[in-house]
Amino acid sequence: MLRGRLIFSSILVRWGTLAAMAGGILLVVFPLLGYVRLAVPFFGVMVVGLLLVPVGMVGFHALQRQRYGRVGIAGFRLVVISSLVVAFGVADYFVWGDFLQQAPPAWLGWGLVGLVIGFVLYGIATLQAKVLPRWCGVSFLVALPLALALSFPLPLAFTPILVGLAWLALGYALWARRRAPVEQQPRRVR
């Protein structure tokens, strides 16, 4: 039974790794496609990149879930739900709406706030769990808030690039840890 859980967790970590790295690549490529002026494919790349974030988070959760408590679970759930809200908000705003003549939906802003809070909580839990390198927890804590703070003096395209680079690095860290045992429990003595 324990072996089956370890194999399933290993599969989740593997898929989370692939999703995190692919999402990071798409978030880095997203602003570069804007210069080519491809409207729907341009924003489709952003939506797919955002949809890969919760899949990547499942990999991180599968790796660390035995080591963090309520803060980690709350951060994980908030990141997953908020990233889906942001992805659908971006799709609604850019793909199905006339983004040149309307303001973004209010729930897109609430999704961003939830995403920031969720990543901060998850970063704290990652630092406490001590499963991944310390820089991973710091990346969860500061990457999105820093990218959003820098998006005001810098072009808005800078935000997904910074978040995508952080997500690529986090995916690499998850890939490097994928072969380590997911959970260590002592054997029963008879």
N, C-alpha and C. Protein backbone atom coordinates (compact mmCIF):
# COMPACT_ATOMS: atom_id res chain seq x y z
N MET A 1 0.82 -1.19 0.00
CA MET A 1 0.00 0.00 0.00
C MET A 1 0.87 1.26 0.00
N LEU A 2 1.90 1.28 0.87
CA LEU A 2 2.79 2.42 0.92
C LEU A 2 3.56 2.56 -0.38
N ARG A 3 3.97 1.44 -0.95
CA ARG A 3 4.71 1.47 -2.23
C ARG A 3 3.83 2.06 -3.33
N GLY A 4 2.55 1.72 -3.35
CA GLY A 4 1.64 2.27 -4.34
C GLY A 4 1.51 3.78 -4.20
N ARG A 5 1.45 4.26 -2.96
CA ARG A 5 1.37 5.72 -2.74
C ARG A 5 2.65 6.41 -3.20
N LEU A 6 3.79 5.77 -2.93
CA LEU A 6 5.06 6.36 -3.35
C LEU A 6 5.15 6.44 -4.87
N ILE A 7 4.70 5.41 -5.55
CA ILE A 7 4.73 5.42 -7.01
C ILE A 7 3.79 6.49 -7.55
N PHE A 8 2.59 6.58 -6.98
CA PHE A 8 1.64 7.60 -7.42
C PHE A 8 2.19 9.00 -7.16
N SER A 9 2.80 9.22 -5.99
CA SER A 9 3.40 10.52 -5.68
C SER A 9 4.54 10.82 -6.64
N SER A 10 5.32 9.81 -6.98
CA SER A 10 6.41 9.99 -7.92
C SER A 10 5.89 10.41 -9.30
N ILE A 11 4.78 9.82 -9.71
CA ILE A 11 4.17 10.20 -11.00
C ILE A 11 3.67 11.63 -10.94
N LEU A 12 3.05 12.02 -9.83
CA LEU A 12 2.57 13.40 -9.69
C LEU A 12 3.72 14.39 -9.71
N VAL A 13 4.82 14.04 -9.05
CA VAL A 13 5.99 14.92 -9.05
C VAL A 13 6.55 15.04 -10.46
N ARG A 14 6.61 13.93 -11.20
CA ARG A 14 7.13 13.95 -12.56
C ARG A 14 6.27 14.84 -13.46
N TRP A 15 4.94 14.65 -13.40
CA TRP A 15 4.06 15.48 -14.22
C TRP A 15 4.09 16.94 -13.78
N GLY A 16 4.21 17.18 -12.48
CA GLY A 16 4.33 18.54 -11.98
C GLY A 16 5.59 19.22 -12.48
N THR A 17 6.68 18.43 -12.54
CA THR A 17 7.93 18.96 -13.07
C THR A 17 7.78 19.40 -14.52
N LEU A 18 7.22 18.52 -15.33
CA LEU A 18 7.03 18.84 -16.75
C LEU A 18 6.12 20.05 -16.93
N ALA A 19 5.03 20.10 -16.14
CA ALA A 19 4.10 21.22 -16.25
C ALA A 19 4.74 22.53 -15.81
N ALA A 20 5.51 22.49 -14.73
CA ALA A 20 6.16 23.71 -14.25
C ALA A 20 7.15 24.24 -15.27
N MET A 21 7.94 23.36 -15.84
CA MET A 21 8.94 23.81 -16.82
C MET A 21 8.28 24.28 -18.12
N ALA A 22 7.26 23.54 -18.58
CA ALA A 22 6.56 23.97 -19.80
C ALA A 22 5.83 25.29 -19.56
N GLY A 23 5.20 25.43 -18.40
CA GLY A 23 4.53 26.69 -18.07
C GLY A 23 5.52 27.84 -18.00
N GLY A 24 6.69 27.59 -17.43
CA GLY A 24 7.72 28.62 -17.37
C GLY A 24 8.18 29.06 -18.75
N ILE A 25 8.38 28.09 -19.63
CA ILE A 25 8.78 28.42 -21.01
C ILE A 25 7.70 29.24 -21.70
N LEU A 26 6.44 28.82 -21.55
CA LEU A 26 5.35 29.56 -22.20
C LEU A 26 5.20 30.98 -21.64
N LEU A 27 5.40 31.15 -20.35
CA LEU A 27 5.29 32.48 -19.77
C LEU A 27 6.46 33.38 -20.20
N VAL A 28 7.61 32.80 -20.47
CA VAL A 28 8.73 33.59 -20.98
C VAL A 28 8.51 33.94 -22.45
N VAL A 29 7.96 32.99 -23.22
CA VAL A 29 7.74 33.19 -24.66
C VAL A 29 6.56 34.14 -24.91
N PHE A 30 5.59 34.15 -24.00
CA PHE A 30 4.36 34.95 -24.16
C PHE A 30 4.62 36.40 -24.57
N PRO A 31 5.43 37.16 -23.85
CA PRO A 31 5.63 38.56 -24.27
C PRO A 31 6.36 38.70 -25.59
N LEU A 32 7.22 37.73 -25.89
CA LEU A 32 7.97 37.81 -27.14
C LEU A 32 7.06 37.64 -28.35
N LEU A 33 6.00 36.85 -28.19
CA LEU A 33 5.04 36.68 -29.29
C LEU A 33 4.24 37.95 -29.54
N GLY A 34 4.15 38.81 -28.54
CA GLY A 34 3.43 40.07 -28.70
C GLY A 34 4.05 40.96 -29.76
N TYR A 35 5.34 40.82 -29.93
CA TYR A 35 6.00 41.63 -30.95
C TYR A 35 5.71 41.14 -32.35
N VAL A 36 5.23 39.89 -32.47
CA VAL A 36 4.89 39.33 -33.77
C VAL A 36 3.47 39.74 -34.15
N ARG A 37 2.68 40.18 -33.19
CA ARG A 37 1.31 40.66 -33.38
C ARG A 37 0.33 39.55 -33.75
N LEU A 38 0.46 38.42 -33.09
CA LEU A 38 -0.50 37.34 -33.26
C LEU A 38 -1.47 37.41 -32.08
N ALA A 39 -2.69 37.85 -32.31
CA ALA A 39 -3.61 38.12 -31.20
C ALA A 39 -4.03 36.86 -30.45
N VAL A 40 -4.80 35.98 -31.06
CA VAL A 40 -5.34 34.83 -30.34
C VAL A 40 -4.25 33.83 -29.95
N PRO A 41 -3.34 33.44 -30.85
CA PRO A 41 -2.29 32.52 -30.40
C PRO A 41 -1.42 33.13 -29.31
N PHE A 42 -1.19 34.44 -29.39
CA PHE A 42 -0.39 35.15 -28.41
C PHE A 42 -1.00 35.00 -27.02
N PHE A 43 -2.28 35.24 -26.88
CA PHE A 43 -2.92 35.12 -25.57
C PHE A 43 -3.25 33.68 -25.22
N GLY A 44 -3.38 32.84 -26.23
CA GLY A 44 -3.57 31.41 -25.97
C GLY A 44 -2.35 30.82 -25.28
N VAL A 45 -1.16 31.28 -25.65
CA VAL A 45 0.07 30.83 -25.01
C VAL A 45 0.05 31.23 -23.54
N MET A 46 -0.39 32.44 -23.26
CA MET A 46 -0.48 32.92 -21.87
C MET A 46 -1.46 32.08 -21.07
N VAL A 47 -2.62 31.78 -21.63
CA VAL A 47 -3.64 31.00 -20.93
C VAL A 47 -3.13 29.59 -20.66
N VAL A 48 -2.51 28.95 -21.64
CA VAL A 48 -1.97 27.60 -21.44
C VAL A 48 -0.87 27.63 -20.37
N GLY A 49 0.00 28.64 -20.42
CA GLY A 49 1.04 28.78 -19.40
C GLY A 49 0.46 28.92 -18.00
N LEU A 50 -0.62 29.70 -17.89
CA LEU A 50 -1.27 29.87 -16.59
C LEU A 50 -1.99 28.60 -16.13
N LEU A 51 -2.52 27.84 -17.07
CA LEU A 51 -3.19 26.58 -16.72
C LEU A 51 -2.19 25.50 -16.28
N LEU A 52 -0.94 25.64 -16.68
CA LEU A 52 0.08 24.68 -16.26
C LEU A 52 0.58 24.95 -14.84
N VAL A 53 0.33 26.14 -14.31
CA VAL A 53 0.75 26.47 -12.95
C VAL A 53 0.11 25.54 -11.92
N PRO A 54 -1.23 25.33 -11.93
CA PRO A 54 -1.77 24.42 -10.92
C PRO A 54 -1.28 22.98 -11.07
N VAL A 55 -1.00 22.56 -12.31
CA VAL A 55 -0.48 21.20 -12.50
C VAL A 55 0.92 21.10 -11.90
N GLY A 56 1.72 22.13 -12.08
CA GLY A 56 3.04 22.17 -11.45
C GLY A 56 2.95 22.18 -9.94
N MET A 57 1.97 22.90 -9.41
CA MET A 57 1.79 22.95 -7.96
C MET A 57 1.43 21.59 -7.39
N VAL A 58 0.72 20.77 -8.16
CA VAL A 58 0.39 19.41 -7.69
C VAL A 58 1.69 18.62 -7.48
N GLY A 59 2.67 18.81 -8.35
CA GLY A 59 3.96 18.14 -8.17
C GLY A 59 4.67 18.59 -6.90
N PHE A 60 4.67 19.90 -6.65
CA PHE A 60 5.29 20.41 -5.42
C PHE A 60 4.55 19.89 -4.19
N HIS A 61 3.23 19.86 -4.28
CA HIS A 61 2.43 19.39 -3.16
C HIS A 61 2.68 17.90 -2.90
N ALA A 62 2.78 17.10 -3.95
CA ALA A 62 3.03 15.67 -3.79
C ALA A 62 4.39 15.43 -3.13
N LEU A 63 5.35 16.27 -3.41
CA LEU A 63 6.68 16.11 -2.83
C LEU A 63 6.73 16.53 -1.36
N GLN A 64 6.02 17.59 -1.00
CA GLN A 64 6.19 18.19 0.32
C GLN A 64 5.03 17.96 1.28
N ARG A 65 3.94 17.39 0.85
CA ARG A 65 2.71 17.38 1.66
C ARG A 65 2.86 16.74 3.02
N GLN A 66 3.78 15.82 3.18
CA GLN A 66 3.98 15.18 4.48
C GLN A 66 4.77 16.05 5.44
N ARG A 67 5.35 17.13 4.93
CA ARG A 67 6.24 17.95 5.75
C ARG A 67 5.68 19.30 6.15
N TYR A 68 4.60 19.73 5.56
CA TYR A 68 4.04 21.01 5.99
C TYR A 68 2.61 20.84 6.44
N GLY A 69 2.15 21.80 7.20
CA GLY A 69 0.82 21.70 7.80
C GLY A 69 -0.21 22.52 7.06
N ARG A 70 -1.05 23.16 7.85
CA ARG A 70 -2.19 23.89 7.30
C ARG A 70 -1.78 25.07 6.41
N VAL A 71 -0.68 25.70 6.73
CA VAL A 71 -0.23 26.85 5.92
C VAL A 71 0.09 26.39 4.50
N GLY A 72 0.78 25.28 4.38
CA GLY A 72 1.12 24.76 3.06
C GLY A 72 -0.10 24.32 2.28
N ILE A 73 -1.02 23.65 2.96
CA ILE A 73 -2.24 23.20 2.29
C ILE A 73 -3.08 24.39 1.85
N ALA A 74 -3.19 25.40 2.72
CA ALA A 74 -3.95 26.61 2.37
C ALA A 74 -3.30 27.33 1.19
N GLY A 75 -1.97 27.46 1.22
CA GLY A 75 -1.26 28.10 0.12
C GLY A 75 -1.42 27.34 -1.18
N PHE A 76 -1.31 26.02 -1.11
CA PHE A 76 -1.48 25.17 -2.30
C PHE A 76 -2.87 25.36 -2.90
N ARG A 77 -3.89 25.25 -2.07
CA ARG A 77 -5.26 25.39 -2.57
C ARG A 77 -5.52 26.78 -3.14
N LEU A 78 -5.01 27.79 -2.47
CA LEU A 78 -5.22 29.16 -2.94
C LEU A 78 -4.52 29.40 -4.27
N VAL A 79 -3.31 28.87 -4.43
CA VAL A 79 -2.59 29.03 -5.70
C VAL A 79 -3.32 28.31 -6.82
N VAL A 80 -3.79 27.09 -6.57
CA VAL A 80 -4.48 26.33 -7.62
C VAL A 80 -5.76 27.04 -8.04
N ILE A 81 -6.58 27.42 -7.09
CA ILE A 81 -7.85 28.09 -7.42
C ILE A 81 -7.61 29.45 -8.06
N SER A 82 -6.70 30.22 -7.50
CA SER A 82 -6.45 31.57 -8.04
C SER A 82 -5.82 31.54 -9.41
N SER A 83 -4.93 30.57 -9.67
CA SER A 83 -4.33 30.51 -11.01
C SER A 83 -5.37 30.12 -12.05
N LEU A 84 -6.33 29.28 -11.68
CA LEU A 84 -7.42 28.98 -12.61
C LEU A 84 -8.29 30.21 -12.86
N VAL A 85 -8.56 30.98 -11.81
CA VAL A 85 -9.34 32.21 -11.96
C VAL A 85 -8.60 33.19 -12.87
N VAL A 86 -7.29 33.34 -12.66
CA VAL A 86 -6.51 34.27 -13.50
C VAL A 86 -6.47 33.78 -14.95
N ALA A 87 -6.28 32.48 -15.15
CA ALA A 87 -6.23 31.94 -16.52
C ALA A 87 -7.54 32.19 -17.25
N PHE A 88 -8.65 31.90 -16.59
CA PHE A 88 -9.94 32.14 -17.23
C PHE A 88 -10.24 33.62 -17.38
N GLY A 89 -9.74 34.44 -16.46
CA GLY A 89 -9.89 35.88 -16.58
C GLY A 89 -9.12 36.43 -17.77
N VAL A 90 -7.91 35.94 -17.97
CA VAL A 90 -7.11 36.36 -19.13
C VAL A 90 -7.79 35.91 -20.42
N ALA A 91 -8.29 34.67 -20.42
CA ALA A 91 -9.00 34.17 -21.61
C ALA A 91 -10.23 35.01 -21.89
N ASP A 92 -10.98 35.32 -20.86
CA ASP A 92 -12.19 36.13 -21.02
C ASP A 92 -11.86 37.52 -21.54
N TYR A 93 -10.85 38.10 -20.98
CA TYR A 93 -10.49 39.47 -21.31
C TYR A 93 -9.87 39.60 -22.70
N PHE A 94 -8.93 38.73 -23.03
CA PHE A 94 -8.19 38.89 -24.27
C PHE A 94 -8.73 38.08 -25.44
N VAL A 95 -9.24 36.91 -25.19
CA VAL A 95 -9.65 36.04 -26.29
C VAL A 95 -11.11 36.28 -26.67
N TRP A 96 -12.01 36.27 -25.67
CA TRP A 96 -13.43 36.37 -25.99
C TRP A 96 -13.96 37.80 -25.92
N GLY A 97 -13.25 38.69 -25.28
CA GLY A 97 -13.73 40.07 -25.15
C GLY A 97 -12.98 41.00 -26.07
N ASP A 98 -13.45 42.21 -26.15
CA ASP A 98 -12.78 43.24 -26.92
C ASP A 98 -11.86 43.99 -25.96
N PHE A 99 -10.61 43.52 -25.82
CA PHE A 99 -9.72 44.03 -24.79
C PHE A 99 -9.27 45.46 -25.03
N LEU A 100 -9.50 45.98 -26.22
CA LEU A 100 -9.12 47.37 -26.48
C LEU A 100 -10.16 48.36 -25.96
N GLN A 101 -11.39 47.88 -25.70
CA GLN A 101 -12.45 48.81 -25.34
C GLN A 101 -13.08 48.53 -23.99
N GLN A 102 -12.64 47.53 -23.28
CA GLN A 102 -13.24 47.25 -21.98
C GLN A 102 -12.17 47.03 -20.93
N ALA A 103 -12.54 47.25 -19.69
CA ALA A 103 -11.63 47.00 -18.58
C ALA A 103 -11.61 45.51 -18.28
N PRO A 104 -10.51 45.02 -17.68
CA PRO A 104 -10.49 43.60 -17.33
C PRO A 104 -11.55 43.29 -16.28
N PRO A 105 -12.04 42.06 -16.24
CA PRO A 105 -13.05 41.71 -15.24
C PRO A 105 -12.49 41.86 -13.83
N ALA A 106 -13.33 42.25 -12.88
CA ALA A 106 -12.90 42.47 -11.50
C ALA A 106 -12.34 41.19 -10.88
N TRP A 107 -12.91 40.05 -11.26
CA TRP A 107 -12.45 38.81 -10.65
C TRP A 107 -11.05 38.45 -11.09
N LEU A 108 -10.56 39.04 -12.18
CA LEU A 108 -9.16 38.83 -12.57
C LEU A 108 -8.23 39.44 -11.53
N GLY A 109 -8.58 40.63 -11.05
CA GLY A 109 -7.80 41.28 -10.00
C GLY A 109 -7.82 40.49 -8.70
N TRP A 110 -9.01 39.97 -8.35
CA TRP A 110 -9.11 39.15 -7.13
C TRP A 110 -8.30 37.86 -7.28
N GLY A 111 -8.26 37.32 -8.49
CA GLY A 111 -7.44 36.13 -8.72
C GLY A 111 -5.96 36.41 -8.54
N LEU A 112 -5.51 37.58 -9.00
CA LEU A 112 -4.11 37.97 -8.80
C LEU A 112 -3.78 38.14 -7.32
N VAL A 113 -4.69 38.77 -6.58
CA VAL A 113 -4.48 38.94 -5.13
C VAL A 113 -4.40 37.56 -4.46
N GLY A 114 -5.31 36.66 -4.82
CA GLY A 114 -5.27 35.31 -4.26
C GLY A 114 -4.01 34.57 -4.62
N LEU A 115 -3.53 34.78 -5.84
CA LEU A 115 -2.30 34.14 -6.28
C LEU A 115 -1.10 34.62 -5.47
N VAL A 116 -1.02 35.92 -5.24
CA VAL A 116 0.09 36.46 -4.45
C VAL A 116 0.04 35.91 -3.02
N ILE A 117 -1.13 35.95 -2.40
CA ILE A 117 -1.26 35.44 -1.03
C ILE A 117 -0.94 33.94 -0.99
N GLY A 118 -1.45 33.18 -1.96
CA GLY A 118 -1.20 31.75 -2.00
C GLY A 118 0.27 31.42 -2.15
N PHE A 119 0.97 32.13 -3.04
CA PHE A 119 2.40 31.86 -3.22
C PHE A 119 3.20 32.25 -1.98
N VAL A 120 2.80 33.33 -1.31
CA VAL A 120 3.50 33.72 -0.08
C VAL A 120 3.31 32.63 0.99
N LEU A 121 2.08 32.17 1.16
CA LEU A 121 1.83 31.09 2.13
C LEU A 121 2.60 29.83 1.76
N TYR A 122 2.59 29.49 0.48
CA TYR A 122 3.28 28.28 0.04
C TYR A 122 4.80 28.43 0.19
N GLY A 123 5.31 29.63 -0.03
CA GLY A 123 6.74 29.88 0.18
C GLY A 123 7.14 29.69 1.63
N ILE A 124 6.31 30.18 2.54
CA ILE A 124 6.58 29.99 3.97
C ILE A 124 6.57 28.51 4.31
N ALA A 125 5.58 27.78 3.80
CA ALA A 125 5.50 26.34 4.06
C ALA A 125 6.68 25.59 3.46
N THR A 126 7.14 26.01 2.29
CA THR A 126 8.28 25.36 1.65
C THR A 126 9.54 25.58 2.47
N LEU A 127 9.71 26.79 3.01
CA LEU A 127 10.87 27.04 3.86
C LEU A 127 10.81 26.20 5.13
N GLN A 128 9.62 26.02 5.69
CA GLN A 128 9.48 25.22 6.91
C GLN A 128 9.65 23.73 6.63
N ALA A 129 9.22 23.27 5.47
CA ALA A 129 9.28 21.83 5.16
C ALA A 129 10.71 21.35 4.96
N LYS A 130 11.58 22.18 4.44
CA LYS A 130 12.99 21.86 4.20
C LYS A 130 13.19 20.63 3.30
N VAL A 131 12.28 20.46 2.33
CA VAL A 131 12.41 19.38 1.37
C VAL A 131 13.16 19.87 0.14
N LEU A 132 12.85 21.07 -0.29
CA LEU A 132 13.50 21.69 -1.44
C LEU A 132 14.56 22.68 -0.95
N PRO A 133 15.46 23.09 -1.83
CA PRO A 133 16.45 24.09 -1.41
C PRO A 133 15.77 25.38 -0.94
N ARG A 134 16.45 26.09 -0.09
CA ARG A 134 15.91 27.31 0.52
C ARG A 134 15.48 28.34 -0.54
N TRP A 135 16.23 28.42 -1.64
CA TRP A 135 15.91 29.41 -2.67
C TRP A 135 14.55 29.16 -3.30
N CYS A 136 14.07 27.91 -3.26
CA CYS A 136 12.74 27.61 -3.80
C CYS A 136 11.66 28.30 -2.97
N GLY A 137 11.77 28.21 -1.67
CA GLY A 137 10.81 28.90 -0.81
C GLY A 137 10.86 30.40 -0.99
N VAL A 138 12.07 30.93 -1.13
CA VAL A 138 12.22 32.38 -1.36
C VAL A 138 11.62 32.76 -2.71
N SER A 139 11.79 31.91 -3.72
CA SER A 139 11.20 32.19 -5.04
C SER A 139 9.69 32.23 -4.97
N PHE A 140 9.09 31.25 -4.25
CA PHE A 140 7.64 31.28 -4.08
C PHE A 140 7.21 32.57 -3.39
N LEU A 141 8.00 33.01 -2.42
CA LEU A 141 7.65 34.21 -1.65
C LEU A 141 7.74 35.49 -2.46
N VAL A 142 8.80 35.66 -3.24
CA VAL A 142 9.07 36.98 -3.82
C VAL A 142 8.87 37.11 -5.32
N ALA A 143 8.84 36.03 -6.09
CA ALA A 143 8.83 36.17 -7.55
C ALA A 143 7.61 36.93 -8.06
N LEU A 144 6.41 36.50 -7.71
CA LEU A 144 5.21 37.17 -8.22
C LEU A 144 5.04 38.57 -7.65
N PRO A 145 5.18 38.78 -6.32
CA PRO A 145 5.06 40.16 -5.83
C PRO A 145 6.09 41.11 -6.44
N LEU A 146 7.32 40.62 -6.60
CA LEU A 146 8.36 41.45 -7.21
C LEU A 146 8.04 41.76 -8.67
N ALA A 147 7.59 40.75 -9.41
CA ALA A 147 7.24 40.96 -10.82
C ALA A 147 6.09 41.95 -10.95
N LEU A 148 5.09 41.84 -10.09
CA LEU A 148 3.97 42.80 -10.13
C LEU A 148 4.41 44.20 -9.74
N ALA A 149 5.28 44.30 -8.74
CA ALA A 149 5.78 45.62 -8.33
C ALA A 149 6.61 46.27 -9.43
N LEU A 150 7.39 45.47 -10.15
CA LEU A 150 8.22 46.01 -11.22
C LEU A 150 7.44 46.27 -12.50
N SER A 151 6.20 45.79 -12.58
CA SER A 151 5.44 45.98 -13.81
C SER A 151 4.94 47.42 -13.95
N PHE A 152 4.98 48.19 -12.87
CA PHE A 152 4.55 49.58 -12.99
C PHE A 152 5.63 50.47 -13.59
N PRO A 153 6.89 50.40 -13.14
CA PRO A 153 7.89 51.23 -13.82
C PRO A 153 8.38 50.61 -15.13
N LEU A 154 8.32 49.28 -15.25
CA LEU A 154 8.77 48.60 -16.45
C LEU A 154 7.56 48.20 -17.29
N PRO A 155 7.77 47.79 -18.53
CA PRO A 155 6.64 47.33 -19.34
C PRO A 155 5.94 46.14 -18.69
N LEU A 156 4.64 46.02 -18.94
CA LEU A 156 3.83 44.95 -18.37
C LEU A 156 4.32 43.57 -18.81
N ALA A 157 4.98 43.49 -19.94
CA ALA A 157 5.48 42.21 -20.46
C ALA A 157 6.56 41.63 -19.55
N PHE A 158 7.15 42.46 -18.69
CA PHE A 158 8.19 42.00 -17.80
C PHE A 158 7.65 41.02 -16.75
N THR A 159 6.39 41.16 -16.34
CA THR A 159 5.81 40.32 -15.30
C THR A 159 5.82 38.85 -15.68
N PRO A 160 5.24 38.44 -16.84
CA PRO A 160 5.29 37.01 -17.15
C PRO A 160 6.69 36.49 -17.40
N ILE A 161 7.61 37.32 -17.88
CA ILE A 161 8.98 36.86 -18.10
C ILE A 161 9.63 36.51 -16.76
N LEU A 162 9.52 37.39 -15.78
CA LEU A 162 10.12 37.12 -14.47
C LEU A 162 9.47 35.92 -13.79
N VAL A 163 8.15 35.85 -13.83
CA VAL A 163 7.44 34.71 -13.24
C VAL A 163 7.79 33.43 -13.99
N GLY A 164 7.88 33.49 -15.31
CA GLY A 164 8.24 32.31 -16.09
C GLY A 164 9.65 31.82 -15.79
N LEU A 165 10.60 32.73 -15.63
CA LEU A 165 11.96 32.32 -15.27
C LEU A 165 12.00 31.68 -13.89
N ALA A 166 11.25 32.26 -12.94
CA ALA A 166 11.19 31.67 -11.60
C ALA A 166 10.54 30.29 -11.66
N TRP A 167 9.49 30.16 -12.46
CA TRP A 167 8.78 28.89 -12.57
C TRP A 167 9.67 27.84 -13.24
N LEU A 168 10.48 28.25 -14.22
CA LEU A 168 11.45 27.33 -14.83
C LEU A 168 12.46 26.84 -13.80
N ALA A 169 12.98 27.75 -12.99
CA ALA A 169 13.94 27.37 -11.96
C ALA A 169 13.31 26.45 -10.93
N LEU A 170 12.07 26.74 -10.54
CA LEU A 170 11.38 25.88 -9.58
C LEU A 170 11.11 24.50 -10.18
N GLY A 171 10.75 24.47 -11.45
CA GLY A 171 10.55 23.18 -12.12
C GLY A 171 11.83 22.38 -12.16
N TYR A 172 12.96 23.04 -12.39
CA TYR A 172 14.24 22.35 -12.37
C TYR A 172 14.54 21.78 -10.98
N ALA A 173 14.25 22.56 -9.94
CA ALA A 173 14.47 22.08 -8.57
C ALA A 173 13.60 20.86 -8.28
N LEU A 174 12.38 20.89 -8.76
CA LEU A 174 11.49 19.74 -8.58
C LEU A 174 12.01 18.54 -9.36
N TRP A 175 12.52 18.77 -10.55
CA TRP A 175 13.10 17.70 -11.37
C TRP A 175 14.32 17.09 -10.66
N ALA A 176 15.14 17.94 -10.06
CA ALA A 176 16.34 17.46 -9.37
C ALA A 176 15.97 16.62 -8.15
N ARG A 177 14.83 16.88 -7.53
CA ARG A 177 14.38 16.15 -6.34
C ARG A 177 13.48 14.97 -6.67
N ARG A 178 13.13 14.76 -7.93
CA ARG A 178 12.13 13.75 -8.26
C ARG A 178 12.57 12.33 -7.93
N ARG A 179 13.84 12.07 -7.90
CA ARG A 179 14.32 10.72 -7.61
C ARG A 179 14.47 10.46 -6.12
N ALA A 180 14.43 11.50 -5.33
CA ALA A 180 14.53 11.33 -3.87
C ALA A 180 13.25 10.71 -3.35
N PRO A 181 13.32 9.93 -2.30
CA PRO A 181 12.10 9.34 -1.77
C PRO A 181 11.12 10.42 -1.33
N VAL A 182 9.86 10.22 -1.68
CA VAL A 182 8.84 11.21 -1.37
C VAL A 182 8.52 11.22 0.11
N GLU A 183 8.48 10.06 0.71
CA GLU A 183 8.17 10.05 2.13
C GLU A 183 8.97 8.93 2.79
N GLN A 184 9.52 9.23 3.91
CA GLN A 184 10.32 8.27 4.64
C GLN A 184 9.55 7.85 5.89
N GLN A 185 9.21 6.59 5.98
CA GLN A 185 8.56 6.08 7.18
C GLN A 185 9.30 4.84 7.62
N PRO A 186 9.49 4.68 8.95
CA PRO A 186 10.18 3.48 9.41
C PRO A 186 9.35 2.23 9.20
N ARG A 187 10.01 1.13 8.97
CA ARG A 187 9.31 -0.15 8.83
C ARG A 187 8.84 -0.62 10.20
N ARG A 188 7.78 -1.34 10.19
CA ARG A 188 7.27 -1.90 11.43
C ARG A 188 8.14 -3.07 11.88
N VAL A 189 8.35 -3.12 13.14
CA VAL A 189 9.11 -4.22 13.72
C VAL A 189 8.11 -5.22 14.27
N ARG A 190 8.28 -6.48 13.91
CA ARG A 190 7.32 -7.51 14.39
C ARG A 190 7.87 -8.25 15.56
